[in-house]
Amino acid sequence: MKTLQSLYKIATKKVEESQEEIAKIVDVMQQMDDRERKLLNQIDYEYGNATSQSDALLYSFAGKFSEKSKDEIEDIKKARVDAKKILAEKREKLRVRFAEQKRYEILIERKRLEFKKSEQKKEQAELDELSSVRHILSEADS
């Protein structure tokens, strides 16, 4: 029973580790989304600012900023695709680990039930023996 409980604890630890890994990946993906949104908003702002001020130099800087930002956005999109693949792998790993943890839970519960039944049988045997001793003693007294 202790071995099963130890294995269950190890399996639980692995599940928790997988959940933490997934949370980190999701967090990184959220940061990617935030960065992409920020860049797109900044591009709009720079062009809007350059247009409103009718400044050709400012407009050319906005164009260069836009090019660099779009390159970074493309890099973010590629990284997001990779992150989604890794996330899918981690989720599958979590599913397998969770199934393993669940198997140990079931085995532990079965062992507990077996132990409980065994204890009940012992108790019943003791009661039966006590009853038969009383019966023998009561017959001897009569």
Foldseek 3Di string as FASTA:
>chain_A
DVVLVVQLVVLVVVLVVLVVVLVVLVVVLVVLVVLLVVLVVVLVVQCVVCVVVVPPVSNVVSVVSNVVSVVVNVVSVVVNVVSVVVSVVSVVVSVVSVVVSVVSVVVVVVVVVVVVVVVVVVVVVVVVVVVVVVVVVVVVVD
